[in-house]
Amino acid sequence: MCNNTAGFLALSGRVALCAIFLSSALLNKIPNFMDVVAHMEKEGVPLPRIALVVTIALLIIGSIFIVIGYKARLGALMLLVFLTTATFYFHDFWNMDAESAHVQQIMFMKNLSIMGAMLLIIAMGSGPWSLSDCCTPKVACDRSPNT
């Protein structure tokens, strides 16, 4: 697919992928800063205030990089670091009773899936309709029927 459809799909995918991170930072973590710090402290996160400031920065900067397609690989790495840490501290189903473990295992697997998407961006870049795409030389499309 070498046309505007690919660009539209790539941009839409980047926006959809990052919506959860931007809304988490802007609609939850920032307005409820002290409540989130208290929850992080309860979960055993070291230096929760500093960790939350770093978390907010990772969520916002990483998401913006991915959405606009500028340094998307770095943005994906930032969100991968966030996901790995958050999954370990907040979705540790192996430390919970059976009733709580089921929901947390689903959340763990959701995060694992999103981690896979971050790894794909790290490997493949941001794709078409991105700042990186518009600033790199174009390569002719492969029009073979196997693509």
C-alpha atoms as a PDB file:
ATOM      1  CA  MET A   1       0.000   0.000   0.000  1.00  0.00           C
ATOM      2  CA  CYS A   2       1.798   3.098  -1.201  1.00  0.00           C
ATOM      3  CA  ASN A   3      -0.679   5.961  -1.194  1.00  0.00           C
ATOM      4  CA  ASN A   4      -2.714   8.281   0.959  1.00  0.00           C
ATOM      5  CA  THR A   5      -4.570   5.328   2.467  1.00  0.00           C
ATOM      6  CA  ALA A   6      -1.361   4.061   4.093  1.00  0.00           C
ATOM      7  CA  GLY A   7      -0.607   7.538   5.423  1.00  0.00           C
ATOM      8  CA  PHE A   8      -4.098   7.974   6.826  1.00  0.00           C
ATOM      9  CA  LEU A   9      -4.000   4.528   8.465  1.00  0.00           C
ATOM     10  CA  ALA A  10      -0.528   5.105   9.941  1.00  0.00           C
ATOM     11  CA  LEU A  11      -1.467   8.494  11.399  1.00  0.00           C
ATOM     12  CA  SER A  12      -4.789   7.179  12.709  1.00  0.00           C
ATOM     13  CA  GLY A  13      -3.005   4.250  14.310  1.00  0.00           C
ATOM     14  CA  ARG A  14      -0.445   6.495  15.993  1.00  0.00           C
ATOM     15  CA  VAL A  15      -3.196   8.760  17.360  1.00  0.00           C
ATOM     16  CA  ALA A  16      -5.296   5.816  18.592  1.00  0.00           C
ATOM     17  CA  LEU A  17      -2.283   4.150  20.180  1.00  0.00           C
ATOM     18  CA  CYS A  18      -1.291   7.271  22.107  1.00  0.00           C
ATOM     19  CA  ALA A  19      -4.772   8.394  23.160  1.00  0.00           C
ATOM     20  CA  ILE A  20      -4.598   6.227  26.293  1.00  0.00           C
ATOM     21  CA  PHE A  21      -1.266   7.754  27.357  1.00  0.00           C
ATOM     22  CA  LEU A  22      -2.184  11.381  26.724  1.00  0.00           C
ATOM     23  CA  SER A  23      -5.549  11.055  28.463  1.00  0.00           C
ATOM     24  CA  SER A  24      -3.908   9.280  31.393  1.00  0.00           C
ATOM     25  CA  ALA A  25      -1.446  12.139  31.867  1.00  0.00           C
ATOM     26  CA  LEU A  26      -3.746  15.074  31.141  1.00  0.00           C
ATOM     27  CA  LEU A  27      -7.043  13.853  32.585  1.00  0.00           C
ATOM     28  CA  ASN A  28      -5.882  11.737  35.525  1.00  0.00           C
ATOM     29  CA  LYS A  29      -2.283  12.093  36.669  1.00  0.00           C
ATOM     30  CA  ILE A  30      -1.920  15.881  36.475  1.00  0.00           C
ATOM     31  CA  PRO A  31      -5.305  16.891  37.968  1.00  0.00           C
ATOM     32  CA  ASN A  32      -5.103  14.193  40.674  1.00  0.00           C
ATOM     33  CA  PHE A  33      -1.383  14.510  41.333  1.00  0.00           C
ATOM     34  CA  MET A  34      -1.380  13.968  45.109  1.00  0.00           C
ATOM     35  CA  ASP A  35      -3.898  11.094  44.957  1.00  0.00           C
ATOM     36  CA  VAL A  36      -1.772   9.370  42.320  1.00  0.00           C
ATOM     37  CA  VAL A  37       1.350   9.918  44.453  1.00  0.00           C
ATOM     38  CA  ALA A  38      -0.438   8.293  47.410  1.00  0.00           C
ATOM     39  CA  HIS A  39      -1.456   5.321  45.255  1.00  0.00           C
ATOM     40  CA  MET A  40       2.095   4.949  43.922  1.00  0.00           C
ATOM     41  CA  GLU A  41       3.447   5.071  47.468  1.00  0.00           C
ATOM     42  CA  LYS A  42       0.971   2.356  48.530  1.00  0.00           C
ATOM     43  CA  GLU A  43       2.150   0.163  45.635  1.00  0.00           C
ATOM     44  CA  GLY A  44       5.787   0.543  46.689  1.00  0.00           C
ATOM     45  CA  VAL A  45       6.994   2.825  43.907  1.00  0.00           C
ATOM     46  CA  PRO A  46      10.228   4.467  45.096  1.00  0.00           C
ATOM     47  CA  LEU A  47      10.266   8.281  45.277  1.00  0.00           C
ATOM     48  CA  PRO A  48       6.650   8.543  44.136  1.00  0.00           C
ATOM     49  CA  ARG A  49       6.543  12.330  43.569  1.00  0.00           C
ATOM     50  CA  ILE A  50       9.627  12.280  41.379  1.00  0.00           C
ATOM     51  CA  ALA A  51       8.445   9.074  39.702  1.00  0.00           C
ATOM     52  CA  LEU A  52       5.118  10.714  38.863  1.00  0.00           C
ATOM     53  CA  VAL A  53       6.760  13.798  37.362  1.00  0.00           C
ATOM     54  CA  VAL A  54       8.962  11.510  35.236  1.00  0.00           C
ATOM     55  CA  THR A  55       5.906   9.428  34.319  1.00  0.00           C
ATOM     56  CA  ILE A  56       3.947  12.468  33.162  1.00  0.00           C
ATOM     57  CA  ALA A  57       6.909  13.626  31.067  1.00  0.00           C
ATOM     58  CA  LEU A  58       7.307  10.174  29.492  1.00  0.00           C
ATOM     59  CA  LEU A  59       3.591   9.952  28.702  1.00  0.00           C
ATOM     60  CA  ILE A  60       3.282  13.392  27.136  1.00  0.00           C
ATOM     61  CA  ILE A  61       6.604  13.632  25.301  1.00  0.00           C
ATOM     62  CA  GLY A  62       6.567  10.008  24.155  1.00  0.00           C
ATOM     63  CA  SER A  63       3.015  10.336  22.851  1.00  0.00           C
ATOM     64  CA  ILE A  64       3.679  13.584  21.014  1.00  0.00           C
ATOM     65  CA  PHE A  65       6.795  12.116  19.366  1.00  0.00           C
ATOM     66  CA  ILE A  66       4.801   9.121  18.151  1.00  0.00           C
ATOM     67  CA  VAL A  67       1.718  11.041  17.003  1.00  0.00           C
ATOM     68  CA  ILE A  68       3.635  13.606  14.953  1.00  0.00           C
ATOM     69  CA  GLY A  69       6.160  11.013  13.838  1.00  0.00           C
ATOM     70  CA  TYR A  70       9.210  12.950  15.017  1.00  0.00           C
ATOM     71  CA  LYS A  71      11.673  10.755  16.902  1.00  0.00           C
ATOM     72  CA  ALA A  72       8.899   8.156  17.099  1.00  0.00           C
ATOM     73  CA  ARG A  73      11.380   5.417  18.007  1.00  0.00           C
ATOM     74  CA  LEU A  74      12.516   7.436  21.030  1.00  0.00           C
ATOM     75  CA  GLY A  75       8.884   8.171  21.927  1.00  0.00           C
ATOM     76  CA  ALA A  76       8.059   4.468  21.725  1.00  0.00           C
ATOM     77  CA  LEU A  77      11.028   3.667  23.953  1.00  0.00           C
ATOM     78  CA  MET A  78       9.807   6.244  26.482  1.00  0.00           C
ATOM     79  CA  LEU A  79       6.334   4.683  26.534  1.00  0.00           C
ATOM     80  CA  LEU A  80       7.837   1.188  26.685  1.00  0.00           C
ATOM     81  CA  VAL A  81       9.760   2.181  29.825  1.00  0.00           C
ATOM     82  CA  PHE A  82       6.557   3.569  31.334  1.00  0.00           C
ATOM     83  CA  LEU A  83       4.542   0.462  30.412  1.00  0.00           C
ATOM     84  CA  THR A  84       7.138  -1.947  31.769  1.00  0.00           C
ATOM     85  CA  THR A  85       7.382  -0.137  35.088  1.00  0.00           C
ATOM     86  CA  ALA A  86       3.638   0.459  35.479  1.00  0.00           C
ATOM     87  CA  THR A  87       2.841  -3.142  34.590  1.00  0.00           C
ATOM     88  CA  PHE A  88       5.283  -4.461  37.184  1.00  0.00           C
ATOM     89  CA  TYR A  89       4.027  -2.228  40.013  1.00  0.00           C
ATOM     90  CA  PHE A  90       0.302  -2.014  39.303  1.00  0.00           C
ATOM     91  CA  HIS A  91      -0.679  -5.211  37.487  1.00  0.00           C
ATOM     92  CA  ASP A  92       1.260  -7.763  39.528  1.00  0.00           C
ATOM     93  CA  PHE A  93      -1.459 -10.386  39.394  1.00  0.00           C
ATOM     94  CA  TRP A  94       0.949 -13.008  40.739  1.00  0.00           C
ATOM     95  CA  ASN A  95       0.828 -11.243  44.143  1.00  0.00           C
ATOM     96  CA  MET A  96      -2.986 -11.036  44.401  1.00  0.00           C
ATOM     97  CA  ASP A  97      -5.903 -13.146  45.490  1.00  0.00           C
ATOM     98  CA  ALA A  98      -7.737 -15.059  42.757  1.00  0.00           C
ATOM     99  CA  GLU A  99     -10.567 -12.534  42.382  1.00  0.00           C
ATOM    100  CA  SER A 100      -8.276  -9.526  41.947  1.00  0.00           C
ATOM    101  CA  ALA A 101      -5.722 -11.501  39.966  1.00  0.00           C
ATOM    102  CA  HIS A 102      -8.114 -12.178  37.088  1.00  0.00           C
ATOM    103  CA  VAL A 103      -8.732  -8.496  36.310  1.00  0.00           C
ATOM    104  CA  GLN A 104      -5.080  -7.589  36.824  1.00  0.00           C
ATOM    105  CA  GLN A 105      -3.968 -10.409  34.540  1.00  0.00           C
ATOM    106  CA  ILE A 106      -6.179  -8.942  31.792  1.00  0.00           C
ATOM    107  CA  MET A 107      -4.648  -5.491  32.402  1.00  0.00           C
ATOM    108  CA  PHE A 108      -1.180  -7.062  32.351  1.00  0.00           C
ATOM    109  CA  MET A 109      -1.902  -8.690  28.979  1.00  0.00           C
ATOM    110  CA  LYS A 110      -3.333  -5.401  27.603  1.00  0.00           C
ATOM    111  CA  ASN A 111      -0.118  -3.652  28.555  1.00  0.00           C
ATOM    112  CA  LEU A 112       1.924  -6.474  27.059  1.00  0.00           C
ATOM    113  CA  SER A 113       0.044  -5.996  23.765  1.00  0.00           C
ATOM    114  CA  ILE A 114       0.737  -2.257  23.784  1.00  0.00           C
ATOM    115  CA  MET A 115       4.394  -3.024  24.553  1.00  0.00           C
ATOM    116  CA  GLY A 116       4.385  -5.069  21.346  1.00  0.00           C
ATOM    117  CA  ALA A 117       3.138  -2.042  19.428  1.00  0.00           C
ATOM    118  CA  MET A 118       5.953   0.048  20.919  1.00  0.00           C
ATOM    119  CA  LEU A 119       8.490  -2.567  19.853  1.00  0.00           C
ATOM    120  CA  LEU A 120       7.071  -2.426  16.323  1.00  0.00           C
ATOM    121  CA  ILE A 121       7.485   1.365  16.225  1.00  0.00           C
ATOM    122  CA  ILE A 122      11.036   1.029  17.550  1.00  0.00           C
ATOM    123  CA  ALA A 123      11.769  -1.508  14.806  1.00  0.00           C
ATOM    124  CA  MET A 124       9.860   0.078  11.898  1.00  0.00           C
ATOM    125  CA  GLY A 125       9.596   3.792  12.660  1.00  0.00           C
ATOM    126  CA  SER A 126       6.539   6.014  12.452  1.00  0.00           C
ATOM    127  CA  GLY A 127       5.494   5.269   8.891  1.00  0.00           C
ATOM    128  CA  PRO A 128       3.916   7.609   6.346  1.00  0.00           C
ATOM    129  CA  TRP A 129       2.311  10.951   7.131  1.00  0.00           C
ATOM    130  CA  SER A 130       4.904  11.680   9.809  1.00  0.00           C
ATOM    131  CA  LEU A 131       7.513  14.396  10.201  1.00  0.00           C
ATOM    132  CA  SER A 132      10.213  11.767   9.762  1.00  0.00           C
ATOM    133  CA  ASP A 133       8.566  10.556   6.556  1.00  0.00           C
ATOM    134  CA  CYS A 134       8.313  14.008   5.010  1.00  0.00           C
ATOM    135  CA  CYS A 135      11.957  14.773   5.775  1.00  0.00           C
ATOM    136  CA  THR A 136      13.527  11.622   4.297  1.00  0.00           C
ATOM    137  CA  PRO A 137      14.128  10.826   0.638  1.00  0.00           C
ATOM    138  CA  LYS A 138      11.300   8.909  -1.008  1.00  0.00           C
ATOM    139  CA  VAL A 139      11.846   5.423  -2.364  1.00  0.00           C
ATOM    140  CA  ALA A 140       9.783   4.162  -5.271  1.00  0.00           C
ATOM    141  CA  CYS A 141       6.909   1.881  -4.328  1.00  0.00           C
ATOM    142  CA  ASP A 142       7.275  -1.814  -4.887  1.00  0.00           C
ATOM    143  CA  ARG A 143       4.280  -2.659  -7.061  1.00  0.00           C
ATOM    144  CA  SER A 144       4.749  -6.420  -6.925  1.00  0.00           C
ATOM    145  CA  PRO A 145       1.548  -8.400  -6.219  1.00  0.00           C
ATOM    146  CA  ASN A 146       3.100  -9.986  -3.103  1.00  0.00           C
ATOM    147  CA  THR A 147       3.157  -6.788  -1.022  1.00  0.00           C
END
